[in-house]
Amino acid sequence: MQTRKLGKNGPEISVIGFGAWGISGRDWGKTDDKVSKKAIHAALDRGITFIDTADVYGFGHSERLIAEVLKERKNSKMPVIATKAGNNFYPHLDNNFDSTPANPDYSKKHLIFAAEQSLKRLGVEALDILQLHSPNTELLEKDEPWEALEILKKAGKIKHAGWSVQSFKETEQSHILDRHSDLIDVIQVRYNLLEREAEKVLFPKAMKYGTGVIVRIPMLFGLLSGKFTEETRFSEDDHRQMNLSPEKLSEYLKTLEKYKPFFDKNIQYSMAQLSLKFCISHEACHVAIPGIKTEKQAIENVIAGSISTIPFADFF
């Protein structure tokens, strides 16, 4: 597994990470905690040293599962854990939902409270990375989110401050990095073979400031595994019924067709592995965080972190 420093201020981490939304027990259909924990163990055993989660994933369930696995591993080296805050799920704790309700709260009071709760669930003294969880542009223009991150940093509650850029707003929100580059150590960005808006403005800015870049949705919710067809459908409790609706799925699959010769030329690797390698081949990007739900997925994804020579130059 190759490793990289996560920007000028960040830690050394594996280039493939573990995206922990899928193990949360919500928004991805039914999950089995035993299967999820095996997946985390398999990833860590094979060289993954970076896990990305969020407080809202399963209303804290993802963070708790990660903590359980780390406790089971006892004296093993701790991975770097990035979490997020800003969706205030606490009023909904006693309610049942097929999908997670949105309740954005980027007030100083809530973000500091949320960080304290994540510290408890993860069982750590300081969060390696705390990211603002994809707020809209209006919220990012306010002072309170940034003041909260500064307070948490100065108090030693977080080691690095991060910001998860809202999907499809990669260019619209890029000026925020100019404004807060001294505070922001890391950004998280939606980026994959079929969605490349971040290349235009945001990636050049990140390279200018030495900002660490975490790539989310690198396999487009599993579509770039090559296992979906026009007939693929998702259950009511799986967010992909919306994010990969029949119309969107058809559009993505048509766009993907033009890359078929490339995948056919490199059949020694799976489509998933090549799609992950594509993301981390961009000079601005440091780690890709595919969602991993099973041991099998962990084993396959890890291989992308050791692929050395793939000719992606024509895509950049």
C-alpha atoms as a PDB file:
ATOM      1  CA  MET A   1       0.000   0.000   0.000  1.00  0.00           C
ATOM      2  CA  GLN A   2       1.378   3.382  -0.991  1.00  0.00           C
ATOM      3  CA  THR A   3       1.225   6.189   1.558  1.00  0.00           C
ATOM      4  CA  ARG A   4       1.180   9.971   1.285  1.00  0.00           C
ATOM      5  CA  LYS A   5       1.209  12.964   3.574  1.00  0.00           C
ATOM      6  CA  LEU A   6      -2.302  14.415   3.694  1.00  0.00           C
ATOM      7  CA  GLY A   7      -1.323  17.895   2.547  1.00  0.00           C
ATOM      8  CA  LYS A   8       1.400  20.023   4.095  1.00  0.00           C
ATOM      9  CA  ASN A   9      -0.032  19.802   7.622  1.00  0.00           C
ATOM     10  CA  GLY A  10      -1.665  16.378   7.637  1.00  0.00           C
ATOM     11  CA  PRO A  11      -0.481  12.946   8.769  1.00  0.00           C
ATOM     12  CA  GLU A  12       1.036  10.205   6.610  1.00  0.00           C
ATOM     13  CA  ILE A  13      -1.783   7.912   5.480  1.00  0.00           C
ATOM     14  CA  SER A  14      -2.565   5.139   3.010  1.00  0.00           C
ATOM     15  CA  VAL A  15      -3.730   6.323  -0.425  1.00  0.00           C
ATOM     16  CA  ILE A  16      -6.827   4.117  -0.117  1.00  0.00           C
ATOM     17  CA  GLY A  17      -8.988   4.706   2.916  1.00  0.00           C
ATOM     18  CA  PHE A  18     -12.112   3.184   4.428  1.00  0.00           C
ATOM     19  CA  GLY A  19     -15.362   5.050   3.806  1.00  0.00           C
ATOM     20  CA  ALA A  20     -17.568   4.183   6.785  1.00  0.00           C
ATOM     21  CA  TRP A  21     -20.987   5.479   5.787  1.00  0.00           C
ATOM     22  CA  GLY A  22     -22.029   2.109   4.383  1.00  0.00           C
ATOM     23  CA  ILE A  23     -21.552   0.318   7.719  1.00  0.00           C
ATOM     24  CA  SER A  24     -23.766   2.756   9.613  1.00  0.00           C
ATOM     25  CA  GLY A  25     -26.930   0.661   9.427  1.00  0.00           C
ATOM     26  CA  ARG A  26     -28.824   3.434   7.650  1.00  0.00           C
ATOM     27  CA  ASP A  27     -29.067   4.822   4.108  1.00  0.00           C
ATOM     28  CA  TRP A  28     -27.418   1.805   2.421  1.00  0.00           C
ATOM     29  CA  GLY A  29     -29.985  -0.903   3.115  1.00  0.00           C
ATOM     30  CA  LYS A  30     -29.628  -3.479   5.866  1.00  0.00           C
ATOM     31  CA  THR A  31     -26.208  -4.174   7.341  1.00  0.00           C
ATOM     32  CA  ASP A  32     -24.766  -6.737   9.731  1.00  0.00           C
ATOM     33  CA  ASP A  33     -22.408  -5.351  12.388  1.00  0.00           C
ATOM     34  CA  LYS A  34     -20.356  -8.560  12.436  1.00  0.00           C
ATOM     35  CA  VAL A  35     -19.812  -8.292   8.670  1.00  0.00           C
ATOM     36  CA  SER A  36     -19.008  -4.594   9.005  1.00  0.00           C
ATOM     37  CA  LYS A  37     -16.411  -5.169  11.707  1.00  0.00           C
ATOM     38  CA  LYS A  38     -14.765  -7.916   9.654  1.00  0.00           C
ATOM     39  CA  ALA A  39     -14.525  -5.434   6.798  1.00  0.00           C
ATOM     40  CA  ILE A  40     -12.744  -2.875   8.998  1.00  0.00           C
ATOM     41  CA  HIS A  41     -10.364  -5.510  10.353  1.00  0.00           C
ATOM     42  CA  ALA A  42      -9.590  -6.740   6.818  1.00  0.00           C
ATOM     43  CA  ALA A  43      -8.857  -3.210   5.634  1.00  0.00           C
ATOM     44  CA  LEU A  44      -6.554  -2.425   8.552  1.00  0.00           C
ATOM     45  CA  ASP A  45      -4.796  -5.786   8.256  1.00  0.00           C
ATOM     46  CA  ARG A  46      -3.980  -5.005   4.614  1.00  0.00           C
ATOM     47  CA  GLY A  47      -2.490  -1.580   5.082  1.00  0.00           C
ATOM     48  CA  ILE A  48      -5.354   0.915   5.189  1.00  0.00           C
ATOM     49  CA  THR A  49      -4.475   3.534   7.792  1.00  0.00           C
ATOM     50  CA  PHE A  50      -7.251   6.069   7.166  1.00  0.00           C
ATOM     51  CA  ILE A  51     -10.943   5.817   8.068  1.00  0.00           C
ATOM     52  CA  ASP A  52     -13.533   8.454   7.186  1.00  0.00           C
ATOM     53  CA  THR A  53     -16.811   8.606   9.063  1.00  0.00           C
ATOM     54  CA  ALA A  54     -19.316  11.159  10.404  1.00  0.00           C
ATOM     55  CA  ASP A  55     -21.317  11.611  13.562  1.00  0.00           C
ATOM     56  CA  VAL A  56     -24.602  11.394  11.639  1.00  0.00           C
ATOM     57  CA  TYR A  57     -23.801   8.034  10.012  1.00  0.00           C
ATOM     58  CA  GLY A  58     -26.276   5.777  11.754  1.00  0.00           C
ATOM     59  CA  PHE A  59     -26.729   8.490  14.401  1.00  0.00           C
ATOM     60  CA  GLY A  60     -23.297   7.654  15.836  1.00  0.00           C
ATOM     61  CA  HIS A  61     -23.358   3.946  14.994  1.00  0.00           C
ATOM     62  CA  SER A  62     -20.497   4.115  12.489  1.00  0.00           C
ATOM     63  CA  GLU A  63     -18.228   5.830  15.022  1.00  0.00           C
ATOM     64  CA  ARG A  64     -19.123   3.292  17.721  1.00  0.00           C
ATOM     65  CA  LEU A  65     -18.365   0.339  15.421  1.00  0.00           C
ATOM     66  CA  ILE A  66     -14.975   1.796  14.564  1.00  0.00           C
ATOM     67  CA  ALA A  67     -14.225   2.228  18.271  1.00  0.00           C
ATOM     68  CA  GLU A  68     -15.182  -1.400  18.939  1.00  0.00           C
ATOM     69  CA  VAL A  69     -12.810  -2.642  16.246  1.00  0.00           C
ATOM     70  CA  LEU A  70      -9.932  -0.515  17.509  1.00  0.00           C
ATOM     71  CA  LYS A  71     -10.514  -1.812  21.035  1.00  0.00           C
ATOM     72  CA  GLU A  72     -10.418  -5.384  19.726  1.00  0.00           C
ATOM     73  CA  ARG A  73      -7.083  -4.671  18.024  1.00  0.00           C
ATOM     74  CA  LYS A  74      -5.625  -3.464  21.333  1.00  0.00           C
ATOM     75  CA  ASN A  75      -1.964  -2.642  20.758  1.00  0.00           C
ATOM     76  CA  SER A  76      -2.142  -2.348  16.971  1.00  0.00           C
ATOM     77  CA  LYS A  77      -1.175   0.963  15.407  1.00  0.00           C
ATOM     78  CA  MET A  78      -4.107   3.356  15.411  1.00  0.00           C
ATOM     79  CA  PRO A  79      -5.395   4.513  12.030  1.00  0.00           C
ATOM     80  CA  VAL A  80      -6.081   8.165  11.341  1.00  0.00           C
ATOM     81  CA  ILE A  81      -9.814   8.786  11.792  1.00  0.00           C
ATOM     82  CA  ALA A  82     -11.600  11.668  10.115  1.00  0.00           C
ATOM     83  CA  THR A  83     -15.136  12.445  11.219  1.00  0.00           C
ATOM     84  CA  LYS A  84     -17.670  15.168  10.401  1.00  0.00           C
ATOM     85  CA  ALA A  85     -20.253  17.326  12.133  1.00  0.00           C
ATOM     86  CA  GLY A  86     -22.990  19.765  11.185  1.00  0.00           C
ATOM     87  CA  ASN A  87     -26.104  17.636  10.738  1.00  0.00           C
ATOM     88  CA  ASN A  88     -27.840  17.816  14.102  1.00  0.00           C
ATOM     89  CA  PHE A  89     -29.494  14.413  14.438  1.00  0.00           C
ATOM     90  CA  TYR A  90     -29.806  14.524  18.219  1.00  0.00           C
ATOM     91  CA  PRO A  91     -33.471  15.669  18.251  1.00  0.00           C
ATOM     92  CA  HIS A  92     -34.287  12.596  16.108  1.00  0.00           C
ATOM     93  CA  LEU A  93     -32.602   9.923  18.232  1.00  0.00           C
ATOM     94  CA  ASP A  94     -35.839   8.291  19.365  1.00  0.00           C
ATOM     95  CA  ASN A  95     -37.431   8.247  15.910  1.00  0.00           C
ATOM     96  CA  ASN A  96     -37.182   5.695  13.106  1.00  0.00           C
ATOM     97  CA  PHE A  97     -36.270   6.730   9.575  1.00  0.00           C
ATOM     98  CA  ASP A  98     -35.551   4.829   6.358  1.00  0.00           C
ATOM     99  CA  SER A  99     -33.091   7.569   5.466  1.00  0.00           C
ATOM    100  CA  THR A 100     -31.295  10.149   7.573  1.00  0.00           C
ATOM    101  CA  PRO A 101     -33.194  13.444   7.885  1.00  0.00           C
ATOM    102  CA  ALA A 102     -31.340  16.658   7.144  1.00  0.00           C
ATOM    103  CA  ASN A 103     -31.066  19.112  10.018  1.00  0.00           C
ATOM    104  CA  PRO A 104     -28.082  21.372   9.317  1.00  0.00           C
ATOM    105  CA  ASP A 105     -26.659  23.155  12.357  1.00  0.00           C
ATOM    106  CA  TYR A 106     -23.270  24.817  12.015  1.00  0.00           C
ATOM    107  CA  SER A 107     -23.579  27.013  15.072  1.00  0.00           C
ATOM    108  CA  LYS A 108     -20.584  27.253  17.330  1.00  0.00           C
ATOM    109  CA  LYS A 109     -22.543  25.679  20.174  1.00  0.00           C
ATOM    110  CA  HIS A 110     -23.614  22.625  18.179  1.00  0.00           C
ATOM    111  CA  LEU A 111     -20.270  21.958  16.475  1.00  0.00           C
ATOM    112  CA  ILE A 112     -18.416  22.024  19.794  1.00  0.00           C
ATOM    113  CA  PHE A 113     -21.053  19.775  21.371  1.00  0.00           C
ATOM    114  CA  ALA A 114     -20.913  17.395  18.366  1.00  0.00           C
ATOM    115  CA  ALA A 115     -17.135  17.146  18.584  1.00  0.00           C
ATOM    116  CA  GLU A 116     -17.361  16.253  22.262  1.00  0.00           C
ATOM    117  CA  GLN A 117     -19.838  13.468  21.476  1.00  0.00           C
ATOM    118  CA  SER A 118     -17.633  12.080  18.704  1.00  0.00           C
ATOM    119  CA  LEU A 119     -14.692  12.027  21.105  1.00  0.00           C
ATOM    120  CA  LYS A 120     -16.735   9.887  23.483  1.00  0.00           C
ATOM    121  CA  ARG A 121     -18.036   7.501  20.829  1.00  0.00           C
ATOM    122  CA  LEU A 122     -14.597   7.000  19.276  1.00  0.00           C
ATOM    123  CA  GLY A 123     -12.925   6.732  22.668  1.00  0.00           C
ATOM    124  CA  VAL A 124     -10.099   9.141  21.844  1.00  0.00           C
ATOM    125  CA  GLU A 125      -8.692  12.235  23.528  1.00  0.00           C
ATOM    126  CA  ALA A 126      -8.485  14.244  20.303  1.00  0.00           C
ATOM    127  CA  LEU A 127     -10.106  13.872  16.891  1.00  0.00           C
ATOM    128  CA  ASP A 128      -7.510  13.449  14.153  1.00  0.00           C
ATOM    129  CA  ILE A 129      -9.653  15.415  11.689  1.00  0.00           C
ATOM    130  CA  LEU A 130     -13.021  17.116  12.139  1.00  0.00           C
ATOM    131  CA  GLN A 131     -14.735  18.224   8.929  1.00  0.00           C
ATOM    132  CA  LEU A 132     -17.694  20.521   8.392  1.00  0.00           C
ATOM    133  CA  HIS A 133     -20.192  18.130   6.816  1.00  0.00           C
ATOM    134  CA  SER A 134     -20.989  19.589   3.369  1.00  0.00           C
ATOM    135  CA  PRO A 135     -22.722  22.828   4.382  1.00  0.00           C
ATOM    136  CA  ASN A 136     -24.291  25.003   1.710  1.00  0.00           C
ATOM    137  CA  THR A 137     -22.544  28.176   0.586  1.00  0.00           C
ATOM    138  CA  GLU A 138     -24.673  30.477   2.729  1.00  0.00           C
ATOM    139  CA  LEU A 139     -23.671  28.613   5.874  1.00  0.00           C
ATOM    140  CA  LEU A 140     -20.012  28.651   4.870  1.00  0.00           C
ATOM    141  CA  GLU A 141     -20.142  32.444   4.603  1.00  0.00           C
ATOM    142  CA  LYS A 142     -20.953  32.703   8.316  1.00  0.00           C
ATOM    143  CA  ASP A 143     -18.232  33.083  10.953  1.00  0.00           C
ATOM    144  CA  GLU A 144     -19.477  30.544  13.501  1.00  0.00           C
ATOM    145  CA  PRO A 145     -18.390  27.292  11.775  1.00  0.00           C
ATOM    146  CA  TRP A 146     -14.833  28.540  11.443  1.00  0.00           C
ATOM    147  CA  GLU A 147     -14.757  29.982  14.953  1.00  0.00           C
ATOM    148  CA  ALA A 148     -15.841  26.572  16.275  1.00  0.00           C
ATOM    149  CA  LEU A 149     -13.005  24.819  14.444  1.00  0.00           C
ATOM    150  CA  GLU A 150     -10.513  27.375  15.783  1.00  0.00           C
ATOM    151  CA  ILE A 151     -11.763  26.901  19.345  1.00  0.00           C
ATOM    152  CA  LEU A 152     -11.592  23.107  19.073  1.00  0.00           C
ATOM    153  CA  LYS A 153      -8.090  23.268  17.621  1.00  0.00           C
ATOM    154  CA  LYS A 154      -6.786  25.586  20.315  1.00  0.00           C
ATOM    155  CA  ALA A 155      -8.357  23.395  22.994  1.00  0.00           C
ATOM    156  CA  GLY A 156      -6.585  20.322  21.595  1.00  0.00           C
ATOM    157  CA  LYS A 157      -9.890  18.589  20.865  1.00  0.00           C
ATOM    158  CA  ILE A 158      -9.084  18.291  17.131  1.00  0.00           C
ATOM    159  CA  LYS A 159      -5.687  17.914  15.516  1.00  0.00           C
ATOM    160  CA  HIS A 160      -6.706  19.067  12.046  1.00  0.00           C
ATOM    161  CA  ALA A 161      -9.607  21.118  10.709  1.00  0.00           C
ATOM    162  CA  GLY A 162     -11.407  19.994   7.582  1.00  0.00           C
ATOM    163  CA  TRP A 163     -14.279  20.879   5.318  1.00  0.00           C
ATOM    164  CA  SER A 164     -16.317  18.530   3.149  1.00  0.00           C
ATOM    165  CA  VAL A 165     -17.282  20.458   0.008  1.00  0.00           C
ATOM    166  CA  GLN A 166     -20.944  20.202  -0.955  1.00  0.00           C
ATOM    167  CA  SER A 167     -21.544  17.889  -3.914  1.00  0.00           C
ATOM    168  CA  PHE A 168     -21.763  19.666  -7.280  1.00  0.00           C
ATOM    169  CA  LYS A 169     -20.617  22.938  -5.666  1.00  0.00           C
ATOM    170  CA  GLU A 170     -16.902  22.298  -6.130  1.00  0.00           C
ATOM    171  CA  THR A 171     -16.345  25.486  -8.136  1.00  0.00           C
ATOM    172  CA  GLU A 172     -19.037  27.634  -6.506  1.00  0.00           C
ATOM    173  CA  GLN A 173     -17.553  27.074  -3.035  1.00  0.00           C
ATOM    174  CA  SER A 174     -13.868  27.197  -3.996  1.00  0.00           C
ATOM    175  CA  HIS A 175     -13.459  30.788  -2.755  1.00  0.00           C
ATOM    176  CA  ILE A 176     -14.004  29.493   0.782  1.00  0.00           C
ATOM    177  CA  LEU A 177     -10.600  27.833   0.592  1.00  0.00           C
ATOM    178  CA  ASP A 178      -9.012  31.188  -0.273  1.00  0.00           C
ATOM    179  CA  ARG A 179     -10.689  32.775   2.718  1.00  0.00           C
ATOM    180  CA  HIS A 180      -9.849  30.079   5.287  1.00  0.00           C
ATOM    181  CA  SER A 181      -6.717  28.396   3.921  1.00  0.00           C
ATOM    182  CA  ASP A 182      -4.781  29.096   7.145  1.00  0.00           C
ATOM    183  CA  LEU A 183      -7.325  27.125   9.172  1.00  0.00           C
ATOM    184  CA  ILE A 184      -8.342  24.399   6.715  1.00  0.00           C
ATOM    185  CA  ASP A 185      -5.863  21.527   6.699  1.00  0.00           C
ATOM    186  CA  VAL A 186      -8.020  19.143   4.680  1.00  0.00           C
ATOM    187  CA  ILE A 187     -10.904  19.253   2.231  1.00  0.00           C
ATOM    188  CA  GLN A 188     -13.100  16.383   1.157  1.00  0.00           C
ATOM    189  CA  VAL A 189     -14.336  16.448  -2.429  1.00  0.00           C
ATOM    190  CA  ARG A 190     -16.730  14.498  -4.631  1.00  0.00           C
ATOM    191  CA  TYR A 191     -14.559  13.280  -7.496  1.00  0.00           C
ATOM    192  CA  ASN A 192     -14.474  10.255  -9.769  1.00  0.00           C
ATOM    193  CA  LEU A 193     -13.964   9.243 -13.374  1.00  0.00           C
ATOM    194  CA  LEU A 194     -17.381  10.596 -14.398  1.00  0.00           C
ATOM    195  CA  GLU A 195     -17.598  13.642 -12.085  1.00  0.00           C
ATOM    196  CA  ARG A 196     -14.584  15.927 -12.456  1.00  0.00           C
ATOM    197  CA  GLU A 197     -15.713  19.472 -11.738  1.00  0.00           C
ATOM    198  CA  ALA A 198     -13.116  19.722  -8.943  1.00  0.00           C
ATOM    199  CA  GLU A 199     -10.288  19.676 -11.490  1.00  0.00           C
ATOM    200  CA  LYS A 200     -11.230  23.117 -12.849  1.00  0.00           C
ATOM    201  CA  VAL A 201     -10.739  25.466  -9.894  1.00  0.00           C
ATOM    202  CA  LEU A 202     -10.722  23.666  -6.562  1.00  0.00           C
ATOM    203  CA  PHE A 203      -7.794  21.297  -7.121  1.00  0.00           C
ATOM    204  CA  PRO A 204      -5.448  24.062  -8.316  1.00  0.00           C
ATOM    205  CA  LYS A 205      -6.312  26.078  -5.207  1.00  0.00           C
ATOM    206  CA  ALA A 206      -5.717  23.070  -2.951  1.00  0.00           C
ATOM    207  CA  MET A 207      -2.295  22.533  -4.513  1.00  0.00           C
ATOM    208  CA  LYS A 208      -1.493  26.234  -4.124  1.00  0.00           C
ATOM    209  CA  TYR A 209      -2.220  26.132  -0.385  1.00  0.00           C
ATOM    210  CA  GLY A 210      -0.904  22.624   0.295  1.00  0.00           C
ATOM    211  CA  THR A 211      -4.342  21.474   1.422  1.00  0.00           C
ATOM    212  CA  GLY A 212      -4.926  17.768   1.922  1.00  0.00           C
ATOM    213  CA  VAL A 213      -7.555  16.325  -0.425  1.00  0.00           C
ATOM    214  CA  ILE A 214      -9.803  13.393   0.487  1.00  0.00           C
ATOM    215  CA  VAL A 215     -11.730  11.979  -2.479  1.00  0.00           C
ATOM    216  CA  ARG A 216     -15.224  10.791  -1.646  1.00  0.00           C
ATOM    217  CA  ILE A 217     -17.610   8.881  -3.917  1.00  0.00           C
ATOM    218  CA  PRO A 218     -14.612   7.625  -5.953  1.00  0.00           C
ATOM    219  CA  MET A 219     -16.688   4.728  -7.317  1.00  0.00           C
ATOM    220  CA  LEU A 220     -19.908   6.728  -7.722  1.00  0.00           C
ATOM    221  CA  PHE A 221     -21.880   4.768  -5.130  1.00  0.00           C
ATOM    222  CA  GLY A 222     -20.667   1.466  -6.594  1.00  0.00           C
ATOM    223  CA  LEU A 223     -21.498   2.207 -10.225  1.00  0.00           C
ATOM    224  CA  LEU A 224     -17.801   2.201 -11.168  1.00  0.00           C
ATOM    225  CA  SER A 225     -17.469  -1.357  -9.888  1.00  0.00           C
ATOM    226  CA  GLY A 226     -19.031  -2.357 -13.211  1.00  0.00           C
ATOM    227  CA  LYS A 227     -21.782  -4.371 -11.534  1.00  0.00           C
ATOM    228  CA  PHE A 228     -24.770  -2.131 -12.273  1.00  0.00           C
ATOM    229  CA  THR A 229     -26.993  -2.219 -15.348  1.00  0.00           C
ATOM    230  CA  GLU A 230     -29.949  -0.204 -16.656  1.00  0.00           C
ATOM    231  CA  GLU A 231     -32.191  -2.590 -14.678  1.00  0.00           C
ATOM    232  CA  THR A 232     -30.449  -2.111 -11.310  1.00  0.00           C
ATOM    233  CA  ARG A 233     -32.789  -0.858  -8.585  1.00  0.00           C
ATOM    234  CA  PHE A 234     -32.296  -0.084  -4.909  1.00  0.00           C
ATOM    235  CA  SER A 235     -34.475  -0.561  -1.834  1.00  0.00           C
ATOM    236  CA  GLU A 236     -36.444   2.217  -0.150  1.00  0.00           C
ATOM    237  CA  ASP A 237     -33.893   2.384   2.693  1.00  0.00           C
ATOM    238  CA  ASP A 238     -30.943   2.815   0.290  1.00  0.00           C
ATOM    239  CA  HIS A 239     -30.094   6.411  -0.654  1.00  0.00           C
ATOM    240  CA  ARG A 240     -29.047   5.216  -4.103  1.00  0.00           C
ATOM    241  CA  GLN A 241     -32.694   4.903  -5.129  1.00  0.00           C
ATOM    242  CA  MET A 242     -32.446   8.707  -5.431  1.00  0.00           C
ATOM    243  CA  ASN A 243     -28.752   9.293  -6.164  1.00  0.00           C
ATOM    244  CA  LEU A 244     -28.752   6.523  -8.767  1.00  0.00           C
ATOM    245  CA  SER A 245     -32.340   6.771  -9.925  1.00  0.00           C
ATOM    246  CA  PRO A 246     -33.175   4.958 -13.189  1.00  0.00           C
ATOM    247  CA  GLU A 247     -32.721   8.203 -15.128  1.00  0.00           C
ATOM    248  CA  LYS A 248     -29.388   9.078 -13.515  1.00  0.00           C
ATOM    249  CA  LEU A 249     -28.159   5.501 -13.768  1.00  0.00           C
ATOM    250  CA  SER A 250     -28.906   5.415 -17.487  1.00  0.00           C
ATOM    251  CA  GLU A 251     -27.078   8.695 -18.052  1.00  0.00           C
ATOM    252  CA  TYR A 252     -24.012   7.586 -16.091  1.00  0.00           C
ATOM    253  CA  LEU A 253     -23.848   4.218 -17.871  1.00  0.00           C
ATOM    254  CA  LYS A 254     -23.940   5.922 -21.272  1.00  0.00           C
ATOM    255  CA  THR A 255     -21.048   8.195 -20.252  1.00  0.00           C
ATOM    256  CA  LEU A 256     -19.118   5.239 -18.904  1.00  0.00           C
ATOM    257  CA  GLU A 257     -19.218   3.513 -22.299  1.00  0.00           C
ATOM    258  CA  LYS A 258     -16.464   5.733 -23.690  1.00  0.00           C
ATOM    259  CA  TYR A 259     -14.043   4.354 -21.086  1.00  0.00           C
ATOM    260  CA  LYS A 260     -14.705   0.731 -21.977  1.00  0.00           C
ATOM    261  CA  PRO A 261     -11.606   0.438 -24.237  1.00  0.00           C
ATOM    262  CA  PHE A 262      -9.439   1.586 -21.351  1.00  0.00           C
ATOM    263  CA  PHE A 263     -10.870  -0.952 -18.931  1.00  0.00           C
ATOM    264  CA  ASP A 264     -10.602  -3.695 -21.570  1.00  0.00           C
ATOM    265  CA  LYS A 265      -6.945  -2.816 -22.113  1.00  0.00           C
ATOM    266  CA  ASN A 266      -6.130  -3.197 -18.414  1.00  0.00           C
ATOM    267  CA  ILE A 267      -8.029  -6.354 -17.540  1.00  0.00           C
ATOM    268  CA  GLN A 268      -5.427  -7.401 -14.982  1.00  0.00           C
ATOM    269  CA  TYR A 269      -7.267  -5.046 -12.624  1.00  0.00           C
ATOM    270  CA  SER A 270     -10.971  -4.747 -11.854  1.00  0.00           C
ATOM    271  CA  MET A 271     -12.984  -1.695 -12.892  1.00  0.00           C
ATOM    272  CA  ALA A 272     -13.242  -0.746  -9.219  1.00  0.00           C
ATOM    273  CA  GLN A 273      -9.469  -0.871  -8.753  1.00  0.00           C
ATOM    274  CA  LEU A 274      -8.814   1.194 -11.863  1.00  0.00           C
ATOM    275  CA  SER A 275     -11.471   3.734 -10.876  1.00  0.00           C
ATOM    276  CA  LEU A 276      -9.852   4.164  -7.466  1.00  0.00           C
ATOM    277  CA  LYS A 277      -6.400   4.427  -9.008  1.00  0.00           C
ATOM    278  CA  PHE A 278      -7.704   7.135 -11.334  1.00  0.00           C
ATOM    279  CA  CYS A 279      -8.681   9.294  -8.355  1.00  0.00           C
ATOM    280  CA  ILE A 280      -5.388   9.045  -6.514  1.00  0.00           C
ATOM    281  CA  SER A 281      -3.438   9.593  -9.739  1.00  0.00           C
ATOM    282  CA  HIS A 282      -4.392  13.266  -9.793  1.00  0.00           C
ATOM    283  CA  GLU A 283      -1.574  15.251  -8.202  1.00  0.00           C
ATOM    284  CA  ALA A 284      -3.978  17.189  -5.967  1.00  0.00           C
ATOM    285  CA  CYS A 285      -5.469  14.062  -4.386  1.00  0.00           C
ATOM    286  CA  HIS A 286      -4.015  12.225  -1.411  1.00  0.00           C
ATOM    287  CA  VAL A 287      -6.539   9.519  -0.481  1.00  0.00           C
ATOM    288  CA  ALA A 288      -9.696   7.969  -1.929  1.00  0.00           C
ATOM    289  CA  ILE A 289     -12.331   6.651   0.469  1.00  0.00           C
ATOM    290  CA  PRO A 290     -14.529   4.038  -1.211  1.00  0.00           C
ATOM    291  CA  GLY A 291     -17.460   2.882   0.848  1.00  0.00           C
ATOM    292  CA  ILE A 292     -16.583  -0.561   2.187  1.00  0.00           C
ATOM    293  CA  LYS A 293     -19.214  -2.886   3.626  1.00  0.00           C
ATOM    294  CA  THR A 294     -17.621  -6.346   3.375  1.00  0.00           C
ATOM    295  CA  GLU A 295     -14.292  -8.081   3.780  1.00  0.00           C
ATOM    296  CA  LYS A 296     -14.323  -8.927   0.056  1.00  0.00           C
ATOM    297  CA  GLN A 297     -14.677  -5.269  -0.900  1.00  0.00           C
ATOM    298  CA  ALA A 298     -11.855  -4.300   1.450  1.00  0.00           C
ATOM    299  CA  ILE A 299      -9.503  -6.852  -0.079  1.00  0.00           C
ATOM    300  CA  GLU A 300     -10.314  -5.748  -3.639  1.00  0.00           C
ATOM    301  CA  ASN A 301     -10.050  -2.027  -2.946  1.00  0.00           C
ATOM    302  CA  VAL A 302      -6.719  -2.280  -1.165  1.00  0.00           C
ATOM    303  CA  ILE A 303      -5.066  -3.527  -4.357  1.00  0.00           C
ATOM    304  CA  ALA A 304      -5.654  -0.128  -5.966  1.00  0.00           C
ATOM    305  CA  GLY A 305      -3.198   1.316  -3.474  1.00  0.00           C
ATOM    306  CA  SER A 306      -0.325  -0.706  -4.878  1.00  0.00           C
ATOM    307  CA  ILE A 307      -0.960  -0.220  -8.622  1.00  0.00           C
ATOM    308  CA  SER A 308       2.017   1.650  -9.997  1.00  0.00           C
ATOM    309  CA  THR A 309       1.924   2.188 -13.760  1.00  0.00           C
ATOM    310  CA  ILE A 310      -1.432   2.910 -15.388  1.00  0.00           C
ATOM    311  CA  PRO A 311      -1.555   5.460 -18.255  1.00  0.00           C
ATOM    312  CA  PHE A 312      -4.117   7.969 -17.015  1.00  0.00           C
ATOM    313  CA  ALA A 313      -2.451  10.955 -18.679  1.00  0.00           C
ATOM    314  CA  ASP A 314      -5.084  11.152 -21.428  1.00  0.00           C
ATOM    315  CA  PHE A 315      -7.781  11.759 -18.798  1.00  0.00           C
ATOM    316  CA  PHE A 316      -6.151  14.792 -17.148  1.00  0.00           C
END
